[in-house]
N, C-alpha and C. Protein backbone atom coordinates (compact mmCIF):
# COMPACT_ATOMS: atom_id res chain seq x y z
N UNK A 1 13.77 28.94 18.50
CA UNK A 1 14.06 28.88 17.30
C UNK A 1 12.94 27.56 16.40
N UNK A 2 12.38 28.17 16.18
CA UNK A 2 11.19 27.49 15.24
C UNK A 2 11.40 26.47 14.21
N UNK A 3 11.14 25.50 14.66
CA UNK A 3 11.49 24.32 13.71
C UNK A 3 10.77 25.07 11.89
N UNK A 4 9.46 25.22 12.18
CA UNK A 4 9.12 24.85 10.48
C UNK A 4 8.45 26.95 10.23
N UNK A 5 8.02 27.16 9.90
CA UNK A 5 7.57 28.41 9.48
C UNK A 5 6.81 28.86 7.78
N UNK A 6 4.79 28.33 8.40
CA UNK A 6 4.20 28.54 7.13
C UNK A 6 3.34 29.66 6.99
N UNK A 7 3.69 30.20 5.97
CA UNK A 7 3.92 31.06 5.37
C UNK A 7 1.86 31.99 4.89
N UNK A 8 1.76 32.16 5.69
CA UNK A 8 0.46 32.58 5.30
C UNK A 8 -0.56 33.64 3.72
N UNK A 9 0.53 34.64 3.27
CA UNK A 9 0.90 35.75 2.28
C UNK A 9 2.69 35.75 2.36
N UNK A 10 2.98 36.08 1.19
CA UNK A 10 4.69 36.35 1.37
C UNK A 10 5.03 37.05 2.02
N UNK A 11 4.74 37.77 3.00
CA UNK A 11 5.29 39.18 3.69
C UNK A 11 5.32 38.52 5.33
N UNK A 12 4.66 37.36 5.61
CA UNK A 12 4.08 37.43 7.29
C UNK A 12 4.43 35.63 6.51
N UNK A 13 4.16 35.29 7.88
CA UNK A 13 4.33 33.77 8.62
C UNK A 13 3.74 33.01 10.58
N UNK A 14 3.39 32.05 10.27
CA UNK A 14 3.63 31.67 11.43
C UNK A 14 4.07 30.70 11.70
N UNK A 15 4.57 30.49 13.27
CA UNK A 15 6.39 29.83 13.05
C UNK A 15 5.68 28.70 14.31
N UNK A 16 5.92 27.14 13.90
CA UNK A 16 4.54 26.35 14.14
C UNK A 16 6.21 25.72 15.03
N UNK A 17 6.60 24.99 16.66
CA UNK A 17 6.60 24.12 17.09
C UNK A 17 6.78 23.34 17.42
N UNK A 18 8.02 22.61 18.08
CA UNK A 18 7.56 21.05 19.13
C UNK A 18 6.32 20.79 19.27
N UNK A 19 5.33 22.14 20.49
CA UNK A 19 4.22 21.56 21.01
C UNK A 19 3.06 21.34 20.20
N UNK A 20 2.78 22.10 18.99
CA UNK A 20 2.14 22.15 18.08
C UNK A 20 2.35 20.71 17.32
N UNK A 21 2.80 20.35 17.38
CA UNK A 21 3.45 18.91 16.59
C UNK A 21 3.27 17.06 17.23
N UNK A 22 3.03 17.77 18.51
CA UNK A 22 3.36 17.04 19.66
C UNK A 22 1.70 16.29 19.81
N UNK A 23 0.18 17.21 19.41
CA UNK A 23 -0.50 16.71 19.64
C UNK A 23 -0.87 15.81 17.87
N UNK A 24 -0.54 16.26 17.29
CA UNK A 24 -0.64 15.46 16.07
C UNK A 24 -0.24 13.77 15.86
N UNK A 25 1.53 14.41 16.83
CA UNK A 25 1.72 12.40 16.80
C UNK A 25 1.54 12.22 17.38
N UNK A 26 1.26 12.29 18.39
CA UNK A 26 -0.25 12.30 19.82
C UNK A 26 -1.30 11.09 19.48
N UNK A 27 -1.83 11.26 18.45
CA UNK A 27 -2.91 11.43 17.89
C UNK A 27 -2.66 9.96 17.05
N UNK A 28 -1.67 10.48 15.79
CA UNK A 28 -0.99 9.49 15.28
C UNK A 28 -0.85 8.41 15.88
N UNK A 29 0.53 8.25 16.60
CA UNK A 29 0.61 6.83 16.87
C UNK A 29 -0.69 6.02 17.77
N UNK A 30 -2.24 6.90 18.41
CA UNK A 30 -2.81 6.25 19.38
C UNK A 30 -3.41 5.02 18.45
N UNK A 31 -3.21 5.07 17.26
CA UNK A 31 -4.53 4.67 16.34
C UNK A 31 -3.66 3.44 16.15
N UNK A 32 -2.40 3.65 16.11
CA UNK A 32 -1.40 2.49 14.93
C UNK A 32 -1.26 1.32 16.56
N UNK A 33 -1.19 0.46 16.46
CA UNK A 33 -0.69 -0.85 17.24
C UNK A 33 -0.65 -2.29 16.90
N UNK A 34 0.25 -3.17 17.16
CA UNK A 34 0.68 -3.85 16.99
C UNK A 34 -0.46 -4.95 15.86
N UNK A 35 -0.99 -4.55 17.34
CA UNK A 35 -2.82 -5.70 15.95
C UNK A 35 -2.76 -4.85 14.59
N UNK A 36 -2.76 -3.77 14.58
CA UNK A 36 -3.29 -3.36 13.27
C UNK A 36 -1.87 -3.00 12.08
N UNK A 37 -0.69 -3.35 12.41
CA UNK A 37 0.15 -3.05 12.36
C UNK A 37 0.05 -4.72 11.28
N UNK A 38 0.12 -5.77 12.09
CA UNK A 38 -0.29 -6.95 12.05
C UNK A 38 -1.35 -7.79 10.77
N UNK A 39 -2.31 -7.00 10.98
CA UNK A 39 -3.53 -6.98 10.35
C UNK A 39 -3.14 -6.65 8.60
N UNK A 40 -2.90 -4.79 9.02
CA UNK A 40 -2.30 -5.05 7.59
C UNK A 40 -0.99 -5.60 6.90
N UNK A 41 -0.62 -6.13 7.30
CA UNK A 41 0.42 -7.39 6.58
C UNK A 41 0.45 -8.20 6.15
N UNK A 42 -0.38 -8.57 7.07
CA UNK A 42 -1.40 -9.67 6.42
C UNK A 42 -2.73 -10.21 5.56
N UNK A 43 -2.84 -8.99 5.57
CA UNK A 43 -3.97 -8.40 4.56
C UNK A 43 -2.86 -8.26 3.17
N UNK A 44 -2.18 -7.59 3.22
CA UNK A 44 -1.10 -7.09 2.14
C UNK A 44 -0.91 -8.24 1.33
N UNK A 45 -0.04 -9.47 2.36
CA UNK A 45 0.23 -10.54 1.60
C UNK A 45 -0.89 -12.02 1.17
N UNK A 46 -1.60 -11.60 1.57
CA UNK A 46 -2.56 -12.28 1.02
C UNK A 46 -3.44 -12.32 0.09
N UNK A 47 -3.27 -10.76 -0.12
CA UNK A 47 -3.85 -9.67 -1.54
C UNK A 47 -2.29 -10.39 -2.23
N UNK A 48 -1.46 -10.53 -2.03
CA UNK A 48 -0.15 -10.66 -2.93
C UNK A 48 -0.03 -11.47 -3.76
N UNK A 49 -0.12 -12.61 -2.63
CA UNK A 49 -0.54 -14.47 -3.10
C UNK A 49 -1.54 -14.61 -3.87
N UNK A 50 -2.77 -14.19 -3.69
CA UNK A 50 -3.94 -14.03 -4.80
C UNK A 50 -3.21 -13.69 -5.69
N UNK A 51 -2.90 -12.54 -5.78
CA UNK A 51 -3.03 -11.91 -7.45
C UNK A 51 -1.06 -13.03 -8.36
N UNK A 52 -0.86 -13.83 -7.24
CA UNK A 52 -0.25 -14.42 -8.02
C UNK A 52 -0.24 -15.42 -8.50
N UNK A 53 -0.99 -16.55 -7.47
CA UNK A 53 -1.95 -17.45 -8.39
C UNK A 53 -2.51 -16.68 -9.41
N UNK A 54 -3.49 -15.99 -9.20
CA UNK A 54 -3.78 -15.70 -10.54
C UNK A 54 -3.42 -15.15 -11.45
N UNK A 55 -2.11 -14.51 -11.75
CA UNK A 55 -1.10 -14.58 -12.37
C UNK A 55 -0.75 -15.78 -13.51
N UNK A 56 -0.81 -16.77 -12.16
CA UNK A 56 0.13 -17.91 -13.21
C UNK A 56 -1.27 -18.82 -13.90
N UNK A 57 -2.79 -18.75 -13.02
CA UNK A 57 -3.24 -19.38 -13.54
C UNK A 57 -3.78 -19.09 -14.87
N UNK A 58 -3.37 -17.84 -15.32
CA UNK A 58 -3.74 -16.91 -16.37
C UNK A 58 -2.64 -16.77 -17.24
N UNK A 59 -1.70 -16.72 -16.52
CA UNK A 59 -0.40 -18.12 -17.84
C UNK A 59 -0.72 -18.97 -18.52
N UNK A 60 -1.26 -20.18 -17.49
CA UNK A 60 -1.03 -21.56 -17.77
C UNK A 60 -2.62 -21.76 -19.04
N UNK A 61 -4.07 -21.27 -18.40
CA UNK A 61 -4.96 -20.53 -18.81
C UNK A 61 -4.34 -20.70 -20.61
N UNK A 62 -3.38 -19.41 -20.82
CA UNK A 62 -3.10 -19.14 -22.16
C UNK A 62 -2.70 -19.69 -23.04
N UNK A 63 -1.23 -20.72 -22.03
CA UNK A 63 -0.39 -21.78 -22.76
C UNK A 63 -1.30 -22.61 -23.12
N UNK A 64 -2.01 -23.18 -22.21
CA UNK A 64 -3.44 -23.96 -23.27
C UNK A 64 -4.31 -24.14 -23.57
N UNK A 65 -4.67 -22.92 -23.72
CA UNK A 65 -5.82 -22.92 -24.76
C UNK A 65 -4.36 -22.63 -26.70
N UNK A 66 -3.05 -20.96 -26.14
CA UNK A 66 -3.04 -21.51 -27.77
C UNK A 66 -2.18 -22.99 -28.54
N UNK A 67 -1.72 -23.46 -27.37
CA UNK A 67 -1.34 -25.74 -27.38
C UNK A 67 -2.69 -26.45 -28.37
N UNK A 68 -3.74 -25.39 -27.33
CA UNK A 68 -4.89 -26.54 -28.23
C UNK A 68 -4.77 -26.05 -29.36
N UNK A 69 -4.63 -24.60 -29.63
CA UNK A 69 -5.56 -24.27 -31.38
C UNK A 69 -4.15 -24.29 -32.22
N UNK A 70 -3.16 -24.60 -31.60
CA UNK A 70 -2.29 -24.86 -32.29
C UNK A 70 -1.39 -26.23 -33.01
N UNK A 71 -1.76 -27.41 -32.20
CA UNK A 71 -1.86 -28.39 -32.10
C UNK A 71 -3.70 -29.47 -32.81
N UNK A 72 -4.28 -28.74 -32.34
CA UNK A 72 -6.06 -29.67 -32.28
C UNK A 72 -6.60 -29.90 -31.73
N UNK A 73 -6.10 -30.31 -29.94
CA UNK A 73 -6.01 -31.17 -29.83
C UNK A 73 -5.48 -30.14 -28.20
N UNK A 74 -7.34 -31.14 -26.92
CA UNK A 74 -6.61 -30.02 -25.47
C UNK A 74 -6.79 -30.73 -25.01
N UNK A 75 -4.69 -30.20 -24.04
CA UNK A 75 -4.78 -30.69 -23.09
C UNK A 75 -4.44 -30.71 -21.80
N UNK A 76 -4.16 -31.26 -21.00
CA UNK A 76 -4.00 -30.19 -19.11
C UNK A 76 -2.27 -30.65 -18.36
């Protein structure tokens, strides 16, 4: 019994079994290793930390400038 049928047109289709997916899954899993997963996670965490600090810095700068305009004095 085929797992999936891909229709070339409305009347015909080609059955795809487990053997057809085996080569695709083997190729995909051979590219993934612990090193690549750790590298991707480290990049994502590093980018997230950078974005959080940038967001905090922009908010701090905006608050400092607005307070300086309101009071006429620049304080940090």
